[in-house]
Amino acid sequence: MLSRPYFTTHEIAELFKISEATVRNRIHDGDLRAVRFGREFRVAAKDLEAFVEAHATRPPEQNE
């Protein structure tokens, strides 16, 4: 059923060199989609990739 990996707020913070509070704020603001398990959040790799793409400064290059 669950074939895609999920990241913790700690893992995302380490990956992007930001604080965990920043990750949690993005989740609470509705910018980053997450699943809540008790007091912890998990973010699907697909949702993290979508967040990064949505906040890129320019669109991805088109290969022609």
PDB file of N, CA and C in Angstrom:
ATOM      1  N   MET A   1       0.810  -1.188   0.000  1.00  0.00           N
ATOM      2  CA  MET A   1       0.000   0.000   0.000  1.00  0.00           C
ATOM      3  C   MET A   1       0.860   1.262   0.000  1.00  0.00           C
ATOM      4  N   LEU A   2       1.774   1.385   0.955  1.00  0.00           N
ATOM      5  CA  LEU A   2       2.631   2.566   1.032  1.00  0.00           C
ATOM      6  C   LEU A   2       3.956   2.278   0.331  1.00  0.00           C
ATOM      7  N   SER A   3       4.047   2.718  -0.891  1.00  0.00           N
ATOM      8  CA  SER A   3       5.259   2.440  -1.649  1.00  0.00           C
ATOM      9  C   SER A   3       6.203   3.632  -1.686  1.00  0.00           C
ATOM     10  N   ARG A   4       5.732   4.812  -1.294  1.00  0.00           N
ATOM     11  CA  ARG A   4       6.596   5.983  -1.339  1.00  0.00           C
ATOM     12  C   ARG A   4       7.085   6.327   0.067  1.00  0.00           C
ATOM     13  N   PRO A   5       8.319   6.802   0.165  1.00  0.00           N
ATOM     14  CA  PRO A   5       8.851   7.115   1.491  1.00  0.00           C
ATOM     15  C   PRO A   5       8.260   8.406   2.055  1.00  0.00           C
ATOM     16  N   TYR A   6       8.248   8.490   3.352  1.00  0.00           N
ATOM     17  CA  TYR A   6       7.797   9.681   4.055  1.00  0.00           C
ATOM     18  C   TYR A   6       8.968  10.262   4.838  1.00  0.00           C
ATOM     19  N   PHE A   7       9.015  11.577   4.923  1.00  0.00           N
ATOM     20  CA  PHE A   7      10.081  12.270   5.635  1.00  0.00           C
ATOM     21  C   PHE A   7       9.526  12.891   6.911  1.00  0.00           C
ATOM     22  N   THR A   8      10.335  12.917   7.958  1.00  0.00           N
ATOM     23  CA  THR A   8       9.977  13.615   9.185  1.00  0.00           C
ATOM     24  C   THR A   8      10.351  15.085   9.033  1.00  0.00           C
ATOM     25  N   THR A   9       9.834  15.912   9.924  1.00  0.00           N
ATOM     26  CA  THR A   9      10.210  17.329   9.882  1.00  0.00           C
ATOM     27  C   THR A   9      11.707  17.484  10.138  1.00  0.00           C
ATOM     28  N   HIS A  10      12.259  16.627  10.967  1.00  0.00           N
ATOM     29  CA  HIS A  10      13.696  16.659  11.251  1.00  0.00           C
ATOM     30  C   HIS A  10      14.502  16.343   9.990  1.00  0.00           C
ATOM     31  N   GLU A  11      14.106  15.326   9.258  1.00  0.00           N
ATOM     32  CA  GLU A  11      14.819  14.952   8.036  1.00  0.00           C
ATOM     33  C   GLU A  11      14.760  16.059   6.983  1.00  0.00           C
ATOM     34  N   ILE A  12      13.605  16.691   6.846  1.00  0.00           N
ATOM     35  CA  ILE A  12      13.456  17.782   5.882  1.00  0.00           C
ATOM     36  C   ILE A  12      14.321  18.968   6.297  1.00  0.00           C
ATOM     37  N   ALA A  13      14.320  19.283   7.589  1.00  0.00           N
ATOM     38  CA  ALA A  13      15.139  20.391   8.090  1.00  0.00           C
ATOM     39  C   ALA A  13      16.622  20.147   7.810  1.00  0.00           C
ATOM     40  N   GLU A  14      17.085  18.938   8.045  1.00  0.00           N
ATOM     41  CA  GLU A  14      18.486  18.605   7.763  1.00  0.00           C
ATOM     42  C   GLU A  14      18.783  18.667   6.271  1.00  0.00           C
ATOM     43  N   LEU A  15      17.876  18.174   5.463  1.00  0.00           N
ATOM     44  CA  LEU A  15      18.061  18.141   4.012  1.00  0.00           C
ATOM     45  C   LEU A  15      18.222  19.540   3.435  1.00  0.00           C
ATOM     46  N   PHE A  16      17.387  20.490   3.898  1.00  0.00           N
ATOM     47  CA  PHE A  16      17.402  21.840   3.347  1.00  0.00           C
ATOM     48  C   PHE A  16      18.152  22.847   4.213  1.00  0.00           C
ATOM     49  N   LYS A  17      18.752  22.363   5.305  1.00  0.00           N
ATOM     50  CA  LYS A  17      19.527  23.219   6.209  1.00  0.00           C
ATOM     51  C   LYS A  17      18.689  24.379   6.744  1.00  0.00           C
ATOM     52  N   ILE A  18      17.506  24.035   7.239  1.00  0.00           N
ATOM     53  CA  ILE A  18      16.598  24.993   7.860  1.00  0.00           C
ATOM     54  C   ILE A  18      16.164  24.418   9.206  1.00  0.00           C
ATOM     55  N   SER A  19      15.476  25.212   9.990  1.00  0.00           N
ATOM     56  CA  SER A  19      15.037  24.715  11.294  1.00  0.00           C
ATOM     57  C   SER A  19      13.771  23.875  11.154  1.00  0.00           C
ATOM     58  N   GLU A  20      13.565  23.011  12.125  1.00  0.00           N
ATOM     59  CA  GLU A  20      12.336  22.213  12.151  1.00  0.00           C
ATOM     60  C   GLU A  20      11.119  23.106  12.315  1.00  0.00           C
ATOM     61  N   ALA A  21      11.277  24.213  13.034  1.00  0.00           N
ATOM     62  CA  ALA A  21      10.169  25.153  13.218  1.00  0.00           C
ATOM     63  C   ALA A  21       9.720  25.718  11.871  1.00  0.00           C
ATOM     64  N   THR A  22      10.665  25.984  10.989  1.00  0.00           N
ATOM     65  CA  THR A  22      10.326  26.490   9.662  1.00  0.00           C
ATOM     66  C   THR A  22       9.513  25.458   8.887  1.00  0.00           C
ATOM     67  N   VAL A  23       9.903  24.210   8.975  1.00  0.00           N
ATOM     68  CA  VAL A  23       9.172  23.133   8.293  1.00  0.00           C
ATOM     69  C   VAL A  23       7.759  23.039   8.862  1.00  0.00           C
ATOM     70  N   ARG A  24       7.649  23.030  10.183  1.00  0.00           N
ATOM     71  CA  ARG A  24       6.329  22.960  10.818  1.00  0.00           C
ATOM     72  C   ARG A  24       5.468  24.165  10.467  1.00  0.00           C
ATOM     73  N   ASN A  25       6.062  25.348  10.386  1.00  0.00           N
ATOM     74  CA  ASN A  25       5.312  26.550  10.005  1.00  0.00           C
ATOM     75  C   ASN A  25       4.755  26.421   8.591  1.00  0.00           C
ATOM     76  N   ARG A  26       5.539  25.886   7.670  1.00  0.00           N
ATOM     77  CA  ARG A  26       5.065  25.680   6.296  1.00  0.00           C
ATOM     78  C   ARG A  26       3.906  24.683   6.264  1.00  0.00           C
ATOM     79  N   ILE A  27       3.964  23.681   7.115  1.00  0.00           N
ATOM     80  CA  ILE A  27       2.879  22.698   7.205  1.00  0.00           C
ATOM     81  C   ILE A  27       1.630  23.374   7.768  1.00  0.00           C
ATOM     82  N   HIS A  28       1.780  24.093   8.864  1.00  0.00           N
ATOM     83  CA  HIS A  28       0.630  24.760   9.502  1.00  0.00           C
ATOM     84  C   HIS A  28       0.016  25.830   8.610  1.00  0.00           C
ATOM     85  N   ASP A  29       0.840  26.494   7.794  1.00  0.00           N
ATOM     86  CA  ASP A  29       0.344  27.522   6.864  1.00  0.00           C
ATOM     87  C   ASP A  29      -0.367  26.922   5.657  1.00  0.00           C
ATOM     88  N   GLY A  30      -0.240  25.606   5.482  1.00  0.00           N
ATOM     89  CA  GLY A  30      -0.879  24.938   4.354  1.00  0.00           C
ATOM     90  C   GLY A  30      -0.038  24.927   3.091  1.00  0.00           C
ATOM     91  N   ASP A  31       1.210  25.390   3.179  1.00  0.00           N
ATOM     92  CA  ASP A  31       2.100  25.400   2.016  1.00  0.00           C
ATOM     93  C   ASP A  31       2.655  24.009   1.702  1.00  0.00           C
ATOM     94  N   LEU A  32       2.882  23.232   2.744  1.00  0.00           N
ATOM     95  CA  LEU A  32       3.479  21.906   2.605  1.00  0.00           C
ATOM     96  C   LEU A  32       2.493  20.872   3.138  1.00  0.00           C
ATOM     97  N   ARG A  33       2.085  19.961   2.271  1.00  0.00           N
ATOM     98  CA  ARG A  33       1.112  18.921   2.640  1.00  0.00           C
ATOM     99  C   ARG A  33       1.790  17.867   3.509  1.00  0.00           C
ATOM    100  N   ALA A  34       1.135  17.485   4.592  1.00  0.00           N
ATOM    101  CA  ALA A  34       1.701  16.509   5.519  1.00  0.00           C
ATOM    102  C   ALA A  34       0.596  15.665   6.136  1.00  0.00           C
ATOM    103  N   VAL A  35       1.011  14.531   6.721  1.00  0.00           N
ATOM    104  CA  VAL A  35       0.107  13.640   7.440  1.00  0.00           C
ATOM    105  C   VAL A  35       0.526  13.693   8.905  1.00  0.00           C
ATOM    106  N   ARG A  36      -0.453  13.803   9.775  1.00  0.00           N
ATOM    107  CA  ARG A  36      -0.147  13.898  11.199  1.00  0.00           C
ATOM    108  C   ARG A  36      -0.332  12.532  11.859  1.00  0.00           C
ATOM    109  N   PHE A  37       0.686  12.117  12.610  1.00  0.00           N
ATOM    110  CA  PHE A  37       0.642  10.900  13.409  1.00  0.00           C
ATOM    111  C   PHE A  37       0.898  11.306  14.849  1.00  0.00           C
ATOM    112  N   GLY A  38      -0.171  11.429  15.626  1.00  0.00           N
ATOM    113  CA  GLY A  38      -0.021  11.901  17.001  1.00  0.00           C
ATOM    114  C   GLY A  38       0.436  13.343  16.996  1.00  0.00           C
ATOM    115  N   ARG A  39       1.616  13.598  17.549  1.00  0.00           N
ATOM    116  CA  ARG A  39       2.169  14.952  17.587  1.00  0.00           C
ATOM    117  C   ARG A  39       3.195  15.181  16.483  1.00  0.00           C
ATOM    118  N   GLU A  40       3.443  14.187  15.671  1.00  0.00           N
ATOM    119  CA  GLU A  40       4.463  14.271  14.624  1.00  0.00           C
ATOM    120  C   GLU A  40       3.841  14.361  13.233  1.00  0.00           C
ATOM    121  N   PHE A  41       4.560  14.977  12.310  1.00  0.00           N
ATOM    122  CA  PHE A  41       4.143  15.068  10.921  1.00  0.00           C
ATOM    123  C   PHE A  41       5.058  14.225  10.045  1.00  0.00           C
ATOM    124  N   ARG A  42       4.496  13.703   8.959  1.00  0.00           N
ATOM    125  CA  ARG A  42       5.267  13.014   7.930  1.00  0.00           C
ATOM    126  C   ARG A  42       4.873  13.627   6.589  1.00  0.00           C
ATOM    127  N   VAL A  43       5.869  13.834   5.724  1.00  0.00           N
ATOM    128  CA  VAL A  43       5.650  14.439   4.412  1.00  0.00           C
ATOM    129  C   VAL A  43       6.073  13.432   3.356  1.00  0.00           C
ATOM    130  N   ALA A  44       5.179  13.144   2.417  1.00  0.00           N
ATOM    131  CA  ALA A  44       5.490  12.218   1.330  1.00  0.00           C
ATOM    132  C   ALA A  44       6.512  12.862   0.394  1.00  0.00           C
ATOM    133  N   ALA A  45       7.381  12.041  -0.165  1.00  0.00           N
ATOM    134  CA  ALA A  45       8.399  12.531  -1.092  1.00  0.00           C
ATOM    135  C   ALA A  45       7.750  13.299  -2.244  1.00  0.00           C
ATOM    136  N   LYS A  46       6.633  12.802  -2.746  1.00  0.00           N
ATOM    137  CA  LYS A  46       5.917  13.453  -3.846  1.00  0.00           C
ATOM    138  C   LYS A  46       5.471  14.856  -3.444  1.00  0.00           C
ATOM    139  N   ASP A  47       4.963  15.011  -2.226  1.00  0.00           N
ATOM    140  CA  ASP A  47       4.506  16.315  -1.747  1.00  0.00           C
ATOM    141  C   ASP A  47       5.674  17.266  -1.502  1.00  0.00           C
ATOM    142  N   LEU A  48       6.797  16.744  -1.042  1.00  0.00           N
ATOM    143  CA  LEU A  48       7.980  17.569  -0.839  1.00  0.00           C
ATOM    144  C   LEU A  48       8.509  18.074  -2.184  1.00  0.00           C
ATOM    145  N   GLU A  49       8.541  17.192  -3.187  1.00  0.00           N
ATOM    146  CA  GLU A  49       8.980  17.590  -4.524  1.00  0.00           C
ATOM    147  C   GLU A  49       8.053  18.653  -5.104  1.00  0.00           C
ATOM    148  N   ALA A  50       6.754  18.497  -4.913  1.00  0.00           N
ATOM    149  CA  ALA A  50       5.781  19.479  -5.415  1.00  0.00           C
ATOM    150  C   ALA A  50       5.990  20.824  -4.730  1.00  0.00           C
ATOM    151  N   PHE A  51       6.264  20.822  -3.438  1.00  0.00           N
ATOM    152  CA  PHE A  51       6.513  22.061  -2.707  1.00  0.00           C
ATOM    153  C   PHE A  51       7.747  22.771  -3.252  1.00  0.00           C
ATOM    154  N   VAL A  52       8.809  22.021  -3.468  1.00  0.00           N
ATOM    155  CA  VAL A  52      10.047  22.607  -3.984  1.00  0.00           C
ATOM    156  C   VAL A  52       9.814  23.200  -5.376  1.00  0.00           C
ATOM    157  N   GLU A  53       9.145  22.463  -6.243  1.00  0.00           N
ATOM    158  CA  GLU A  53       8.857  22.956  -7.593  1.00  0.00           C
ATOM    159  C   GLU A  53       7.983  24.203  -7.569  1.00  0.00           C
ATOM    160  N   ALA A  54       7.016  24.238  -6.676  1.00  0.00           N
ATOM    161  CA  ALA A  54       6.109  25.387  -6.594  1.00  0.00           C
ATOM    162  C   ALA A  54       6.820  26.639  -6.090  1.00  0.00           C
ATOM    163  N   HIS A  55       7.908  26.472  -5.370  1.00  0.00           N
ATOM    164  CA  HIS A  55       8.620  27.616  -4.812  1.00  0.00           C
ATOM    165  C   HIS A  55       9.934  27.903  -5.529  1.00  0.00           C
ATOM    166  N   ALA A  56      10.139  27.300  -6.679  1.00  0.00           N
ATOM    167  CA  ALA A  56      11.332  27.573  -7.471  1.00  0.00           C
ATOM    168  C   ALA A  56      11.232  28.995  -8.053  1.00  0.00           C
ATOM    169  N   THR A  57      12.371  29.606  -8.282  1.00  0.00           N
ATOM    170  CA  THR A  57      12.369  30.981  -8.779  1.00  0.00           C
ATOM    171  C   THR A  57      12.061  31.066 -10.262  1.00  0.00           C
ATOM    172  N   ARG A  58      12.179  29.967 -10.960  1.00  0.00           N
ATOM    173  CA  ARG A  58      11.828  29.954 -12.384  1.00  0.00           C
ATOM    174  C   ARG A  58      11.345  28.558 -12.758  1.00  0.00           C
ATOM    175  N   PRO A  59      10.578  28.458 -13.843  1.00  0.00           N
ATOM    176  CA  PRO A  59      10.077  27.135 -14.239  1.00  0.00           C
ATOM    177  C   PRO A  59      11.205  26.223 -14.698  1.00  0.00           C
ATOM    178  N   PRO A  60      10.974  24.913 -14.652  1.00  0.00           N
ATOM    179  CA  PRO A  60      12.022  23.971 -15.101  1.00  0.00           C
ATOM    180  C   PRO A  60      12.297  24.167 -16.579  1.00  0.00           C
ATOM    181  N   GLU A  61      13.547  23.895 -16.974  1.00  0.00           N
ATOM    182  CA  GLU A  61      13.935  24.035 -18.370  1.00  0.00           C
ATOM    183  C   GLU A  61      13.230  23.008 -19.214  1.00  0.00           C
ATOM    184  N   GLN A  62      12.820  23.430 -20.402  1.00  0.00           N
ATOM    185  CA  GLN A  62      12.151  22.533 -21.352  1.00  0.00           C
ATOM    186  C   GLN A  62      13.194  21.937 -22.287  1.00  0.00           C
ATOM    187  N   ASN A  63      13.240  20.620 -22.377  1.00  0.00           N
ATOM    188  CA  ASN A  63      14.152  19.942 -23.305  1.00  0.00           C
ATOM    189  C   ASN A  63      13.480  19.833 -24.662  1.00  0.00           C
ATOM    190  N   GLU A  64      14.100  20.425 -25.656  1.00  0.00           N
ATOM    191  CA  GLU A  64      13.523  20.366 -26.998  1.00  0.00           C
ATOM    192  C   GLU A  64      14.416  19.625 -27.921  1.00  0.00           C
TER     193      GLU A  64
END
